């Protein structure tokens, strides 16, 4: 009995993860780059040294790419040509992994009478 509940819980969790992963790009497209540029940085390296780290500008670059502004994305962080394809790969991998969980059949063990 507990096994069936656990399998249902795993499927509900997988469905929620799929929904969240599919919504994330749409939410990121709604973020204004102007608001991001006005906000103070949370980068510890930049706050201490005053210089950009390798990751500075990645959030703005991803948002620019989602808005199909490739030049601005590259200007924000040149490493986005490596990071963004990896992020897309992981995004698809997590979606398909959870779809696989969602489509799994229930365990066919029978309970003794």
N, C-alpha and C. Protein backbone atom coordinates (compact mmCIF):
# COMPACT_ATOMS: atom_id res chain seq x y z
N UNK A 1 0.82 -1.19 0.00
CA UNK A 1 0.00 0.00 0.00
C UNK A 1 0.87 1.26 0.00
N UNK A 2 1.92 1.25 0.82
CA UNK A 2 2.80 2.41 0.89
C UNK A 2 3.53 2.60 -0.43
N UNK A 3 3.88 1.50 -1.09
CA UNK A 3 4.59 1.57 -2.36
C UNK A 3 3.79 2.30 -3.42
N UNK A 4 2.47 2.04 -3.47
CA UNK A 4 1.63 2.73 -4.44
C UNK A 4 1.58 4.23 -4.15
N UNK A 5 1.46 4.58 -2.89
CA UNK A 5 1.42 6.00 -2.51
C UNK A 5 2.72 6.68 -2.90
N UNK A 6 3.84 5.99 -2.65
CA UNK A 6 5.14 6.57 -2.97
C UNK A 6 5.29 6.77 -4.48
N UNK A 7 4.82 5.81 -5.26
CA UNK A 7 4.90 5.95 -6.72
C UNK A 7 4.03 7.10 -7.20
N UNK A 8 2.85 7.26 -6.60
CA UNK A 8 1.98 8.38 -6.97
C UNK A 8 2.64 9.70 -6.60
N UNK A 9 3.29 9.75 -5.45
CA UNK A 9 3.98 10.96 -5.01
C UNK A 9 5.10 11.31 -5.98
N UNK A 10 5.87 10.30 -6.44
CA UNK A 10 6.95 10.54 -7.39
C UNK A 10 6.40 11.09 -8.70
N UNK A 11 5.24 10.60 -9.13
CA UNK A 11 4.65 11.08 -10.38
C UNK A 11 4.13 12.51 -10.23
N UNK A 12 3.53 12.81 -9.10
CA UNK A 12 3.05 14.18 -8.86
C UNK A 12 4.24 15.13 -8.80
N UNK A 13 5.30 14.72 -8.13
CA UNK A 13 6.51 15.55 -8.04
C UNK A 13 7.10 15.76 -9.44
N UNK A 14 7.16 14.71 -10.25
CA UNK A 14 7.70 14.81 -11.61
C UNK A 14 6.86 15.76 -12.45
N UNK A 15 5.54 15.69 -12.31
CA UNK A 15 4.66 16.58 -13.06
C UNK A 15 4.87 18.03 -12.65
N UNK A 16 5.00 18.29 -11.36
CA UNK A 16 5.24 19.65 -10.89
C UNK A 16 6.58 20.18 -11.39
N UNK A 17 7.60 19.35 -11.40
CA UNK A 17 8.91 19.77 -11.90
C UNK A 17 8.83 20.10 -13.38
N UNK A 18 8.12 19.29 -14.16
CA UNK A 18 7.96 19.55 -15.59
C UNK A 18 7.26 20.89 -15.80
N UNK A 19 6.19 21.14 -15.06
CA UNK A 19 5.45 22.40 -15.20
C UNK A 19 6.35 23.58 -14.86
N UNK A 20 7.10 23.48 -13.77
CA UNK A 20 8.00 24.57 -13.36
C UNK A 20 9.07 24.80 -14.42
N UNK A 21 9.65 23.72 -14.92
CA UNK A 21 10.70 23.86 -15.94
C UNK A 21 10.18 24.48 -17.23
N UNK A 22 8.93 24.20 -17.57
CA UNK A 22 8.36 24.78 -18.78
C UNK A 22 7.98 26.24 -18.59
N UNK A 23 7.70 26.65 -17.36
CA UNK A 23 7.31 28.03 -17.08
C UNK A 23 8.52 28.96 -16.95
N UNK A 24 9.64 28.44 -16.49
CA UNK A 24 10.83 29.28 -16.21
C UNK A 24 11.23 30.17 -17.39
N UNK A 25 11.34 29.67 -18.63
CA UNK A 25 11.74 30.58 -19.72
C UNK A 25 10.77 31.74 -19.93
N UNK A 26 9.48 31.50 -19.74
CA UNK A 26 8.50 32.57 -19.91
C UNK A 26 8.62 33.61 -18.81
N UNK A 27 8.92 33.17 -17.61
CA UNK A 27 9.13 34.11 -16.51
C UNK A 27 10.39 34.94 -16.74
N UNK A 28 11.46 34.29 -17.19
CA UNK A 28 12.70 35.01 -17.44
C UNK A 28 12.55 36.03 -18.57
N UNK A 29 11.70 35.75 -19.54
CA UNK A 29 11.48 36.71 -20.63
C UNK A 29 10.79 37.97 -20.13
N UNK A 30 10.08 37.89 -19.02
CA UNK A 30 9.34 39.04 -18.50
C UNK A 30 10.22 39.97 -17.66
N UNK A 31 11.40 39.52 -17.29
CA UNK A 31 12.30 40.34 -16.47
C UNK A 31 12.92 41.42 -17.34
N UNK A 32 12.85 42.64 -16.85
CA UNK A 32 13.41 43.77 -17.59
C UNK A 32 14.91 43.86 -17.36
N UNK A 33 15.67 44.00 -18.44
CA UNK A 33 17.12 44.15 -18.30
C UNK A 33 17.47 45.47 -17.61
N UNK A 34 16.66 46.48 -17.82
CA UNK A 34 16.89 47.76 -17.16
C UNK A 34 16.82 47.63 -15.64
N UNK A 35 15.87 46.85 -15.16
CA UNK A 35 15.76 46.62 -13.72
C UNK A 35 16.96 45.84 -13.19
N UNK A 36 17.44 44.88 -13.97
CA UNK A 36 18.60 44.11 -13.54
C UNK A 36 19.86 44.97 -13.48
N UNK A 37 20.00 45.88 -14.43
CA UNK A 37 21.19 46.73 -14.45
C UNK A 37 21.18 47.74 -13.32
N UNK A 38 19.99 48.16 -12.87
CA UNK A 38 19.88 49.13 -11.77
C UNK A 38 20.10 48.47 -10.41
N UNK A 39 19.81 47.19 -10.32
CA UNK A 39 19.90 46.48 -9.04
C UNK A 39 21.37 46.32 -8.63
N UNK A 40 21.64 46.37 -7.32
CA UNK A 40 23.02 46.15 -6.87
C UNK A 40 23.44 44.70 -7.11
N UNK A 41 24.73 44.53 -7.35
CA UNK A 41 25.25 43.19 -7.63
C UNK A 41 25.32 42.37 -6.34
N UNK A 42 25.13 41.06 -6.48
CA UNK A 42 25.28 40.17 -5.33
C UNK A 42 26.55 39.34 -5.45
N UNK A 43 27.37 39.64 -6.46
CA UNK A 43 28.62 38.92 -6.67
C UNK A 43 29.63 39.31 -5.59
N UNK A 44 30.04 38.35 -4.79
CA UNK A 44 30.99 38.62 -3.70
C UNK A 44 32.33 39.07 -4.26
N UNK A 45 32.79 38.43 -5.33
CA UNK A 45 34.07 38.79 -5.93
C UNK A 45 34.07 40.24 -6.41
N UNK A 46 32.99 40.64 -7.09
CA UNK A 46 32.91 42.01 -7.59
C UNK A 46 32.77 43.01 -6.45
N UNK A 47 32.05 42.64 -5.40
CA UNK A 47 31.89 43.54 -4.25
C UNK A 47 33.21 43.75 -3.52
N UNK A 48 34.07 42.75 -3.50
CA UNK A 48 35.36 42.86 -2.79
C UNK A 48 36.40 43.53 -3.67
N UNK A 49 36.52 43.08 -4.93
CA UNK A 49 37.61 43.56 -5.78
C UNK A 49 37.21 44.72 -6.71
N UNK A 50 35.92 44.83 -6.99
CA UNK A 50 35.48 45.85 -7.93
C UNK A 50 35.59 45.42 -9.38
N UNK A 51 36.08 44.20 -9.62
CA UNK A 51 36.23 43.67 -10.98
C UNK A 51 35.19 42.58 -11.23
N UNK A 52 34.83 42.42 -12.49
CA UNK A 52 33.87 41.37 -12.85
C UNK A 52 34.51 39.99 -12.74
N UNK A 53 33.73 39.04 -12.25
CA UNK A 53 34.18 37.64 -12.24
C UNK A 53 33.76 37.00 -13.55
N UNK A 54 34.05 35.71 -13.74
CA UNK A 54 33.71 35.03 -14.98
C UNK A 54 32.20 34.88 -15.15
N UNK A 55 31.47 34.92 -14.05
CA UNK A 55 30.03 34.73 -14.12
C UNK A 55 29.23 36.01 -14.20
N UNK A 56 29.89 37.15 -13.97
CA UNK A 56 29.18 38.42 -14.00
C UNK A 56 28.57 38.66 -15.38
N UNK A 57 27.30 38.99 -15.41
CA UNK A 57 26.60 39.25 -16.66
C UNK A 57 25.90 38.03 -17.23
N UNK A 58 26.06 36.87 -16.61
CA UNK A 58 25.45 35.66 -17.16
C UNK A 58 23.93 35.73 -17.10
N UNK A 59 23.37 36.20 -16.00
CA UNK A 59 21.90 36.30 -15.89
C UNK A 59 21.36 37.23 -16.97
N UNK A 60 22.00 38.38 -17.13
CA UNK A 60 21.55 39.33 -18.15
C UNK A 60 21.74 38.74 -19.54
N UNK A 61 22.81 37.98 -19.75
CA UNK A 61 23.04 37.36 -21.06
C UNK A 61 21.98 36.31 -21.37
N UNK A 62 21.61 35.51 -20.39
CA UNK A 62 20.58 34.49 -20.61
C UNK A 62 19.25 35.16 -20.94
N UNK A 63 18.91 36.20 -20.22
CA UNK A 63 17.66 36.91 -20.49
C UNK A 63 17.70 37.54 -21.88
N UNK A 64 18.84 38.09 -22.27
CA UNK A 64 18.98 38.66 -23.61
C UNK A 64 18.81 37.58 -24.68
N UNK A 65 19.38 36.40 -24.44
CA UNK A 65 19.22 35.31 -25.41
C UNK A 65 17.77 34.86 -25.51
N UNK A 66 17.08 34.81 -24.38
CA UNK A 66 15.67 34.43 -24.42
C UNK A 66 14.82 35.46 -25.16
N UNK A 67 15.31 36.68 -25.24
CA UNK A 67 14.64 37.74 -26.00
C UNK A 67 15.25 37.88 -27.40
N UNK A 68 16.09 36.92 -27.80
CA UNK A 68 16.71 36.84 -29.13
C UNK A 68 17.60 38.04 -29.45
N UNK A 69 18.24 38.60 -28.42
CA UNK A 69 19.19 39.70 -28.61
C UNK A 69 20.60 39.12 -28.41
N UNK A 70 21.13 38.50 -29.46
CA UNK A 70 22.37 37.74 -29.36
C UNK A 70 23.60 38.63 -29.14
N UNK A 71 23.63 39.77 -29.79
CA UNK A 71 24.78 40.66 -29.64
C UNK A 71 24.87 41.19 -28.21
N UNK A 72 23.74 41.62 -27.66
CA UNK A 72 23.74 42.14 -26.29
C UNK A 72 24.11 41.03 -25.31
N UNK A 73 23.65 39.81 -25.55
CA UNK A 73 24.00 38.69 -24.68
C UNK A 73 25.51 38.46 -24.70
N UNK A 74 26.09 38.50 -25.88
CA UNK A 74 27.54 38.31 -26.01
C UNK A 74 28.30 39.45 -25.33
N UNK A 75 27.77 40.66 -25.42
CA UNK A 75 28.42 41.80 -24.76
C UNK A 75 28.35 41.69 -23.24
N UNK A 76 27.27 41.14 -22.71
CA UNK A 76 27.15 40.98 -21.26
C UNK A 76 28.16 39.97 -20.73
N UNK A 77 28.29 38.84 -21.41
CA UNK A 77 29.24 37.81 -20.98
C UNK A 77 29.60 36.95 -22.18
N UNK A 78 30.85 36.99 -22.58
CA UNK A 78 31.30 36.26 -23.77
C UNK A 78 31.23 34.75 -23.59
N UNK A 79 31.25 34.29 -22.35
CA UNK A 79 31.20 32.85 -22.09
C UNK A 79 29.80 32.27 -22.26
N UNK A 80 28.85 33.11 -22.61
CA UNK A 80 27.48 32.63 -22.78
C UNK A 80 27.37 31.65 -23.94
N UNK A 81 28.30 31.72 -24.89
CA UNK A 81 28.28 30.78 -26.02
C UNK A 81 28.58 29.35 -25.55
N UNK A 82 29.18 29.21 -24.39
CA UNK A 82 29.42 27.89 -23.80
C UNK A 82 28.34 27.56 -22.77
N UNK A 83 28.00 28.53 -21.95
CA UNK A 83 27.08 28.30 -20.83
C UNK A 83 25.66 28.05 -21.30
N UNK A 84 25.16 28.84 -22.24
CA UNK A 84 23.76 28.71 -22.64
C UNK A 84 23.44 27.35 -23.27
N UNK A 85 24.26 26.84 -24.19
CA UNK A 85 23.96 25.49 -24.70
C UNK A 85 23.96 24.42 -23.59
N UNK A 86 24.84 24.56 -22.62
CA UNK A 86 24.84 23.61 -21.50
C UNK A 86 23.57 23.73 -20.67
N UNK A 87 23.11 24.96 -20.45
CA UNK A 87 21.86 25.17 -19.71
C UNK A 87 20.67 24.58 -20.46
N UNK A 88 20.65 24.76 -21.76
CA UNK A 88 19.56 24.20 -22.57
C UNK A 88 19.60 22.68 -22.53
N UNK A 89 20.80 22.10 -22.62
CA UNK A 89 20.95 20.65 -22.54
C UNK A 89 20.42 20.12 -21.20
N UNK A 90 20.82 20.78 -20.10
CA UNK A 90 20.35 20.35 -18.78
C UNK A 90 18.85 20.53 -18.63
N UNK A 91 18.31 21.60 -19.19
CA UNK A 91 16.87 21.86 -19.14
C UNK A 91 16.10 20.72 -19.80
N UNK A 92 16.52 20.36 -21.03
CA UNK A 92 15.87 19.25 -21.74
C UNK A 92 16.07 17.93 -21.00
N UNK A 93 17.26 17.71 -20.47
CA UNK A 93 17.54 16.47 -19.76
C UNK A 93 16.62 16.32 -18.55
N UNK A 94 16.44 17.40 -17.77
CA UNK A 94 15.57 17.34 -16.60
C UNK A 94 14.10 17.14 -17.00
N UNK A 95 13.69 17.77 -18.09
CA UNK A 95 12.31 17.58 -18.54
C UNK A 95 12.09 16.13 -18.97
N UNK A 96 12.98 15.59 -19.80
CA UNK A 96 12.80 14.21 -20.27
C UNK A 96 12.95 13.19 -19.14
N UNK A 97 13.82 13.46 -18.18
CA UNK A 97 13.97 12.57 -17.04
C UNK A 97 12.66 12.50 -16.24
N UNK A 98 12.02 13.65 -16.07
CA UNK A 98 10.77 13.67 -15.32
C UNK A 98 9.60 13.12 -16.13
N UNK A 99 9.64 13.28 -17.45
CA UNK A 99 8.62 12.65 -18.29
C UNK A 99 8.74 11.13 -18.18
N UNK A 100 9.97 10.65 -18.15
CA UNK A 100 10.21 9.20 -18.01
C UNK A 100 9.62 8.70 -16.68
N UNK A 101 9.82 9.46 -15.60
CA UNK A 101 9.25 9.09 -14.31
C UNK A 101 7.73 9.10 -14.38
N UNK A 102 7.20 10.10 -15.06
CA UNK A 102 5.75 10.25 -15.17
C UNK A 102 5.12 9.10 -15.95
N UNK A 103 5.83 8.58 -16.94
CA UNK A 103 5.29 7.51 -17.78
C UNK A 103 5.58 6.12 -17.26
N UNK A 104 6.34 6.01 -16.16
CA UNK A 104 6.63 4.69 -15.60
C UNK A 104 5.34 4.01 -15.15
N UNK A 105 5.27 2.72 -15.36
CA UNK A 105 4.12 1.96 -14.92
C UNK A 105 4.26 1.65 -13.45
N UNK A 106 3.12 1.48 -12.80
CA UNK A 106 3.13 1.14 -11.38
C UNK A 106 3.72 -0.25 -11.19
N UNK A 107 4.31 -0.44 -10.03
CA UNK A 107 4.90 -1.73 -9.70
C UNK A 107 3.79 -2.77 -9.68
N UNK A 108 3.97 -3.88 -10.35
CA UNK A 108 2.90 -4.87 -10.48
C UNK A 108 2.90 -5.93 -9.39
N UNK A 109 3.48 -5.62 -8.24
CA UNK A 109 3.46 -6.59 -7.15
C UNK A 109 2.07 -6.60 -6.52
N UNK A 110 1.63 -7.78 -6.16
CA UNK A 110 0.32 -7.92 -5.53
C UNK A 110 0.50 -8.09 -4.05
N UNK A 111 -0.44 -7.60 -3.29
CA UNK A 111 -0.39 -7.76 -1.84
C UNK A 111 -1.01 -9.09 -1.45
N UNK A 112 -0.41 -9.78 -0.48
CA UNK A 112 -0.96 -11.08 -0.08
C UNK A 112 -2.31 -10.91 0.62
N UNK A 113 -3.21 -11.88 0.43
CA UNK A 113 -4.54 -11.79 1.03
C UNK A 113 -4.57 -12.28 2.45
